[in-house]
Amino acid sequence: MKESNDIIEILDNRYKAYLEDDGKWLNEGFRNIFTEGEANRENLKTPVYLMLPEEIRDYVDQLLSGNL
């Protein structure tokens, strides 16, 4: 699995346009979908994760499972 900060950075970079437009509610970027900013499945904030578009959720799942 990728490092926690790497996962957050990958998501922030890949979905920069989403964060600038529809994802402004995330404030500090994808760090906010995890408790304590630690990107792993155990720290995933499920209610926040479920508010993301399906495409992004699928990509988060791939990153967390190491399938990229």
PDB file of N, CA and C in Angstrom:
ATOM      1  N   MET A   1       0.841  -1.193   0.000  1.00  0.00           N
ATOM      2  CA  MET A   1       0.000   0.000   0.000  1.00  0.00           C
ATOM      3  C   MET A   1       0.879   1.246   0.000  1.00  0.00           C
ATOM      4  N   LYS A   2       0.409   2.276  -0.648  1.00  0.00           N
ATOM      5  CA  LYS A   2       1.144   3.532  -0.715  1.00  0.00           C
ATOM      6  C   LYS A   2       1.143   4.206   0.655  1.00  0.00           C
ATOM      7  N   GLU A   3       2.120   5.064   0.867  1.00  0.00           N
ATOM      8  CA  GLU A   3       2.192   5.836   2.108  1.00  0.00           C
ATOM      9  C   GLU A   3       0.948   6.717   2.247  1.00  0.00           C
ATOM     10  N   SER A   4       0.548   6.969   3.474  1.00  0.00           N
ATOM     11  CA  SER A   4      -0.635   7.762   3.773  1.00  0.00           C
ATOM     12  C   SER A   4      -0.612   9.134   3.101  1.00  0.00           C
ATOM     13  N   ASN A   5       0.494   9.859   3.260  1.00  0.00           N
ATOM     14  CA  ASN A   5       0.590  11.201   2.675  1.00  0.00           C
ATOM     15  C   ASN A   5       0.608  11.131   1.157  1.00  0.00           C
ATOM     16  N   ASP A   6       1.196  10.079   0.609  1.00  0.00           N
ATOM     17  CA  ASP A   6       1.208   9.907  -0.843  1.00  0.00           C
ATOM     18  C   ASP A   6      -0.202   9.757  -1.385  1.00  0.00           C
ATOM     19  N   ILE A   7      -1.027   8.982  -0.700  1.00  0.00           N
ATOM     20  CA  ILE A   7      -2.410   8.770  -1.141  1.00  0.00           C
ATOM     21  C   ILE A   7      -3.160  10.091  -1.153  1.00  0.00           C
ATOM     22  N   ILE A   8      -3.024  10.858  -0.107  1.00  0.00           N
ATOM     23  CA  ILE A   8      -3.711  12.152  -0.029  1.00  0.00           C
ATOM     24  C   ILE A   8      -3.206  13.083  -1.126  1.00  0.00           C
ATOM     25  N   GLU A   9      -1.910  13.111  -1.343  1.00  0.00           N
ATOM     26  CA  GLU A   9      -1.332  13.957  -2.384  1.00  0.00           C
ATOM     27  C   GLU A   9      -1.803  13.513  -3.773  1.00  0.00           C
ATOM     28  N   ILE A  10      -1.848  12.218  -4.014  1.00  0.00           N
ATOM     29  CA  ILE A  10      -2.325  11.701  -5.301  1.00  0.00           C
ATOM     30  C   ILE A  10      -3.765  12.138  -5.547  1.00  0.00           C
ATOM     31  N   LEU A  11      -4.609  11.991  -4.539  1.00  0.00           N
ATOM     32  CA  LEU A  11      -6.011  12.395  -4.675  1.00  0.00           C
ATOM     33  C   LEU A  11      -6.141  13.901  -4.896  1.00  0.00           C
ATOM     34  N   ASP A  12      -5.408  14.687  -4.109  1.00  0.00           N
ATOM     35  CA  ASP A  12      -5.463  16.149  -4.254  1.00  0.00           C
ATOM     36  C   ASP A  12      -5.030  16.571  -5.653  1.00  0.00           C
ATOM     37  N   ASN A  13      -3.993  15.944  -6.179  1.00  0.00           N
ATOM     38  CA  ASN A  13      -3.499  16.310  -7.510  1.00  0.00           C
ATOM     39  C   ASN A  13      -4.432  15.830  -8.619  1.00  0.00           C
ATOM     40  N   ARG A  14      -4.886  14.602  -8.525  1.00  0.00           N
ATOM     41  CA  ARG A  14      -5.727  14.030  -9.581  1.00  0.00           C
ATOM     42  C   ARG A  14      -7.081  14.741  -9.665  1.00  0.00           C
ATOM     43  N   TYR A  15      -7.623  15.103  -8.524  1.00  0.00           N
ATOM     44  CA  TYR A  15      -8.960  15.703  -8.501  1.00  0.00           C
ATOM     45  C   TYR A  15      -8.918  17.177  -8.096  1.00  0.00           C
ATOM     46  N   LYS A  16      -7.883  17.859  -8.537  1.00  0.00           N
ATOM     47  CA  LYS A  16      -7.710  19.285  -8.232  1.00  0.00           C
ATOM     48  C   LYS A  16      -8.906  20.100  -8.718  1.00  0.00           C
ATOM     49  N   ALA A  17      -9.377  19.828  -9.919  1.00  0.00           N
ATOM     50  CA  ALA A  17     -10.524  20.563 -10.467  1.00  0.00           C
ATOM     51  C   ALA A  17     -11.773  20.328  -9.615  1.00  0.00           C
ATOM     52  N   TYR A  18     -11.959  19.103  -9.143  1.00  0.00           N
ATOM     53  CA  TYR A  18     -13.107  18.804  -8.274  1.00  0.00           C
ATOM     54  C   TYR A  18     -13.011  19.618  -6.984  1.00  0.00           C
ATOM     55  N   LEU A  19     -11.828  19.659  -6.394  1.00  0.00           N
ATOM     56  CA  LEU A  19     -11.649  20.407  -5.150  1.00  0.00           C
ATOM     57  C   LEU A  19     -11.891  21.896  -5.347  1.00  0.00           C
ATOM     58  N   GLU A  20     -11.529  22.420  -6.501  1.00  0.00           N
ATOM     59  CA  GLU A  20     -11.705  23.850  -6.775  1.00  0.00           C
ATOM     60  C   GLU A  20     -13.160  24.204  -7.056  1.00  0.00           C
ATOM     61  N   ASP A  21     -13.931  23.254  -7.562  1.00  0.00           N
ATOM     62  CA  ASP A  21     -15.319  23.531  -7.923  1.00  0.00           C
ATOM     63  C   ASP A  21     -16.293  22.889  -6.936  1.00  0.00           C
ATOM     64  N   ASP A  22     -16.636  21.648  -7.164  1.00  0.00           N
ATOM     65  CA  ASP A  22     -17.654  20.960  -6.365  1.00  0.00           C
ATOM     66  C   ASP A  22     -17.165  20.513  -4.997  1.00  0.00           C
ATOM     67  N   GLY A  23     -15.882  20.348  -4.829  1.00  0.00           N
ATOM     68  CA  GLY A  23     -15.344  19.805  -3.587  1.00  0.00           C
ATOM     69  C   GLY A  23     -14.859  20.828  -2.585  1.00  0.00           C
ATOM     70  N   LYS A  24     -15.296  22.062  -2.720  1.00  0.00           N
ATOM     71  CA  LYS A  24     -14.859  23.099  -1.777  1.00  0.00           C
ATOM     72  C   LYS A  24     -15.233  22.754  -0.341  1.00  0.00           C
ATOM     73  N   TRP A  25     -16.253  21.941  -0.170  1.00  0.00           N
ATOM     74  CA  TRP A  25     -16.706  21.555   1.160  1.00  0.00           C
ATOM     75  C   TRP A  25     -15.653  20.711   1.894  1.00  0.00           C
ATOM     76  N   LEU A  26     -14.657  20.184   1.166  1.00  0.00           N
ATOM     77  CA  LEU A  26     -13.602  19.393   1.801  1.00  0.00           C
ATOM     78  C   LEU A  26     -12.543  20.268   2.475  1.00  0.00           C
ATOM     79  N   ASN A  27     -12.605  21.559   2.267  1.00  0.00           N
ATOM     80  CA  ASN A  27     -11.702  22.548   2.881  1.00  0.00           C
ATOM     81  C   ASN A  27     -10.231  22.254   2.629  1.00  0.00           C
ATOM     82  N   GLU A  28      -9.640  21.344   3.345  1.00  0.00           N
ATOM     83  CA  GLU A  28      -8.211  21.063   3.232  1.00  0.00           C
ATOM     84  C   GLU A  28      -7.910  19.933   2.253  1.00  0.00           C
ATOM     85  N   GLY A  29      -8.825  19.635   1.364  1.00  0.00           N
ATOM     86  CA  GLY A  29      -8.606  18.568   0.396  1.00  0.00           C
ATOM     87  C   GLY A  29      -8.977  17.203   0.951  1.00  0.00           C
ATOM     88  N   PHE A  30      -8.421  16.180   0.336  1.00  0.00           N
ATOM     89  CA  PHE A  30      -8.816  14.817   0.657  1.00  0.00           C
ATOM     90  C   PHE A  30      -8.318  14.336   2.017  1.00  0.00           C
ATOM     91  N   ARG A  31      -7.482  15.112   2.661  1.00  0.00           N
ATOM     92  CA  ARG A  31      -7.072  14.789   4.035  1.00  0.00           C
ATOM     93  C   ARG A  31      -8.318  14.696   4.925  1.00  0.00           C
ATOM     94  N   ASN A  32      -9.350  15.441   4.575  1.00  0.00           N
ATOM     95  CA  ASN A  32     -10.565  15.492   5.393  1.00  0.00           C
ATOM     96  C   ASN A  32     -11.448  14.257   5.292  1.00  0.00           C
ATOM     97  N   ILE A  33     -11.143  13.326   4.401  1.00  0.00           N
ATOM     98  CA  ILE A  33     -11.974  12.114   4.356  1.00  0.00           C
ATOM     99  C   ILE A  33     -11.419  11.039   5.289  1.00  0.00           C
ATOM    100  N   PHE A  34     -10.321  11.360   5.970  1.00  0.00           N
ATOM    101  CA  PHE A  34      -9.704  10.420   6.910  1.00  0.00           C
ATOM    102  C   PHE A  34      -9.579  11.071   8.284  1.00  0.00           C
ATOM    103  N   THR A  35      -9.759  10.277   9.343  1.00  0.00           N
ATOM    104  CA  THR A  35      -9.530  10.809  10.681  1.00  0.00           C
ATOM    105  C   THR A  35      -8.037  11.044  10.859  1.00  0.00           C
ATOM    106  N   GLU A  36      -7.712  12.112  11.524  1.00  0.00           N
ATOM    107  CA  GLU A  36      -6.335  12.497  11.798  1.00  0.00           C
ATOM    108  C   GLU A  36      -5.466  12.600  10.540  1.00  0.00           C
ATOM    109  N   GLY A  37      -6.082  12.706   9.363  1.00  0.00           N
ATOM    110  CA  GLY A  37      -5.336  12.864   8.124  1.00  0.00           C
ATOM    111  C   GLY A  37      -4.510  11.654   7.735  1.00  0.00           C
ATOM    112  N   GLU A  38      -4.786  10.496   8.334  1.00  0.00           N
ATOM    113  CA  GLU A  38      -4.061   9.261   8.033  1.00  0.00           C
ATOM    114  C   GLU A  38      -4.849   8.438   7.025  1.00  0.00           C
ATOM    115  N   ALA A  39      -4.305   8.312   5.831  1.00  0.00           N
ATOM    116  CA  ALA A  39      -5.014   7.631   4.740  1.00  0.00           C
ATOM    117  C   ALA A  39      -4.869   6.121   4.850  1.00  0.00           C
ATOM    118  N   ASN A  40      -5.860   5.504   5.486  1.00  0.00           N
ATOM    119  CA  ASN A  40      -5.984   4.052   5.484  1.00  0.00           C
ATOM    120  C   ASN A  40      -7.452   3.709   5.694  1.00  0.00           C
ATOM    121  N   ARG A  41      -7.802   2.476   5.394  1.00  0.00           N
ATOM    122  CA  ARG A  41      -9.205   2.059   5.424  1.00  0.00           C
ATOM    123  C   ARG A  41      -9.819   2.246   6.815  1.00  0.00           C
ATOM    124  N   GLU A  42      -9.057   1.971   7.867  1.00  0.00           N
ATOM    125  CA  GLU A  42      -9.583   2.082   9.231  1.00  0.00           C
ATOM    126  C   GLU A  42      -9.921   3.519   9.601  1.00  0.00           C
ATOM    127  N   ASN A  43      -9.236   4.477   9.024  1.00  0.00           N
ATOM    128  CA  ASN A  43      -9.450   5.894   9.342  1.00  0.00           C
ATOM    129  C   ASN A  43     -10.394   6.600   8.375  1.00  0.00           C
ATOM    130  N   LEU A  44     -10.957   5.870   7.445  1.00  0.00           N
ATOM    131  CA  LEU A  44     -11.857   6.473   6.463  1.00  0.00           C
ATOM    132  C   LEU A  44     -13.141   6.946   7.145  1.00  0.00           C
ATOM    133  N   LYS A  45     -13.477   8.199   6.956  1.00  0.00           N
ATOM    134  CA  LYS A  45     -14.728   8.753   7.490  1.00  0.00           C
ATOM    135  C   LYS A  45     -15.836   8.380   6.509  1.00  0.00           C
ATOM    136  N   THR A  46     -16.566   7.329   6.808  1.00  0.00           N
ATOM    137  CA  THR A  46     -17.549   6.780   5.882  1.00  0.00           C
ATOM    138  C   THR A  46     -18.588   7.799   5.426  1.00  0.00           C
ATOM    139  N   PRO A  47     -19.191   8.593   6.327  1.00  0.00           N
ATOM    140  CA  PRO A  47     -20.198   9.561   5.856  1.00  0.00           C
ATOM    141  C   PRO A  47     -19.626  10.568   4.846  1.00  0.00           C
ATOM    142  N   VAL A  48     -18.390  11.008   5.076  1.00  0.00           N
ATOM    143  CA  VAL A  48     -17.757  11.967   4.172  1.00  0.00           C
ATOM    144  C   VAL A  48     -17.409  11.272   2.861  1.00  0.00           C
ATOM    145  N   TYR A  49     -16.838  10.091   2.947  1.00  0.00           N
ATOM    146  CA  TYR A  49     -16.489   9.292   1.774  1.00  0.00           C
ATOM    147  C   TYR A  49     -17.709   9.074   0.874  1.00  0.00           C
ATOM    148  N   LEU A  50     -18.849   8.778   1.468  1.00  0.00           N
ATOM    149  CA  LEU A  50     -20.065   8.511   0.696  1.00  0.00           C
ATOM    150  C   LEU A  50     -20.623   9.749   0.002  1.00  0.00           C
ATOM    151  N   MET A  51     -20.188  10.924   0.404  1.00  0.00           N
ATOM    152  CA  MET A  51     -20.635  12.157  -0.250  1.00  0.00           C
ATOM    153  C   MET A  51     -19.828  12.443  -1.516  1.00  0.00           C
ATOM    154  N   LEU A  52     -18.738  11.714  -1.725  1.00  0.00           N
ATOM    155  CA  LEU A  52     -17.911  11.904  -2.921  1.00  0.00           C
ATOM    156  C   LEU A  52     -18.572  11.256  -4.135  1.00  0.00           C
ATOM    157  N   PRO A  53     -18.279  11.756  -5.329  1.00  0.00           N
ATOM    158  CA  PRO A  53     -18.785  11.109  -6.551  1.00  0.00           C
ATOM    159  C   PRO A  53     -18.251   9.675  -6.646  1.00  0.00           C
ATOM    160  N   GLU A  54     -19.012   8.817  -7.288  1.00  0.00           N
ATOM    161  CA  GLU A  54     -18.661   7.398  -7.387  1.00  0.00           C
ATOM    162  C   GLU A  54     -17.273   7.182  -7.995  1.00  0.00           C
ATOM    163  N   GLU A  55     -16.922   7.946  -9.018  1.00  0.00           N
ATOM    164  CA  GLU A  55     -15.608   7.814  -9.657  1.00  0.00           C
ATOM    165  C   GLU A  55     -14.479   8.013  -8.644  1.00  0.00           C
ATOM    166  N   ILE A  56     -14.625   9.016  -7.793  1.00  0.00           N
ATOM    167  CA  ILE A  56     -13.595   9.303  -6.799  1.00  0.00           C
ATOM    168  C   ILE A  56     -13.574   8.213  -5.731  1.00  0.00           C
ATOM    169  N   ARG A  57     -14.748   7.756  -5.302  1.00  0.00           N
ATOM    170  CA  ARG A  57     -14.799   6.669  -4.309  1.00  0.00           C
ATOM    171  C   ARG A  57     -14.105   5.418  -4.847  1.00  0.00           C
ATOM    172  N   ASP A  58     -14.347   5.105  -6.105  1.00  0.00           N
ATOM    173  CA  ASP A  58     -13.701   3.938  -6.719  1.00  0.00           C
ATOM    174  C   ASP A  58     -12.184   4.087  -6.705  1.00  0.00           C
ATOM    175  N   TYR A  59     -11.701   5.271  -7.015  1.00  0.00           N
ATOM    176  CA  TYR A  59     -10.261   5.514  -7.043  1.00  0.00           C
ATOM    177  C   TYR A  59      -9.662   5.442  -5.632  1.00  0.00           C
ATOM    178  N   VAL A  60     -10.378   5.985  -4.645  1.00  0.00           N
ATOM    179  CA  VAL A  60      -9.934   5.895  -3.253  1.00  0.00           C
ATOM    180  C   VAL A  60      -9.817   4.422  -2.862  1.00  0.00           C
ATOM    181  N   ASP A  61     -10.814   3.627  -3.219  1.00  0.00           N
ATOM    182  CA  ASP A  61     -10.783   2.194  -2.912  1.00  0.00           C
ATOM    183  C   ASP A  61      -9.571   1.513  -3.532  1.00  0.00           C
ATOM    184  N   GLN A  62      -9.263   1.861  -4.770  1.00  0.00           N
ATOM    185  CA  GLN A  62      -8.110   1.274  -5.443  1.00  0.00           C
ATOM    186  C   GLN A  62      -6.817   1.663  -4.740  1.00  0.00           C
ATOM    187  N   LEU A  63      -6.680   2.927  -4.378  1.00  0.00           N
ATOM    188  CA  LEU A  63      -5.476   3.380  -3.687  1.00  0.00           C
ATOM    189  C   LEU A  63      -5.310   2.669  -2.341  1.00  0.00           C
ATOM    190  N   LEU A  64      -6.405   2.560  -1.590  1.00  0.00           N
ATOM    191  CA  LEU A  64      -6.325   1.966  -0.265  1.00  0.00           C
ATOM    192  C   LEU A  64      -6.065   0.463  -0.316  1.00  0.00           C
ATOM    193  N   SER A  65      -6.489  -0.177  -1.386  1.00  0.00           N
ATOM    194  CA  SER A  65      -6.262  -1.616  -1.498  1.00  0.00           C
ATOM    195  C   SER A  65      -4.930  -1.934  -2.188  1.00  0.00           C
ATOM    196  N   GLY A  66      -4.255  -0.894  -2.695  1.00  0.00           N
ATOM    197  CA  GLY A  66      -2.964  -1.096  -3.352  1.00  0.00           C
ATOM    198  C   GLY A  66      -3.074  -1.662  -4.747  1.00  0.00           C
ATOM    199  N   ASN A  67      -4.224  -1.493  -5.381  1.00  0.00           N
ATOM    200  CA  ASN A  67      -4.447  -2.042  -6.722  1.00  0.00           C
ATOM    201  C   ASN A  67      -4.124  -1.076  -7.839  1.00  0.00           C
ATOM    202  N   LEU A  68      -3.206  -0.170  -7.616  1.00  0.00           N
ATOM    203  CA  LEU A  68      -2.786   0.767  -8.674  1.00  0.00           C
ATOM    204  C   LEU A  68      -1.327   0.594  -8.967  1.00  0.00           C
TER     205      LEU A  68
END
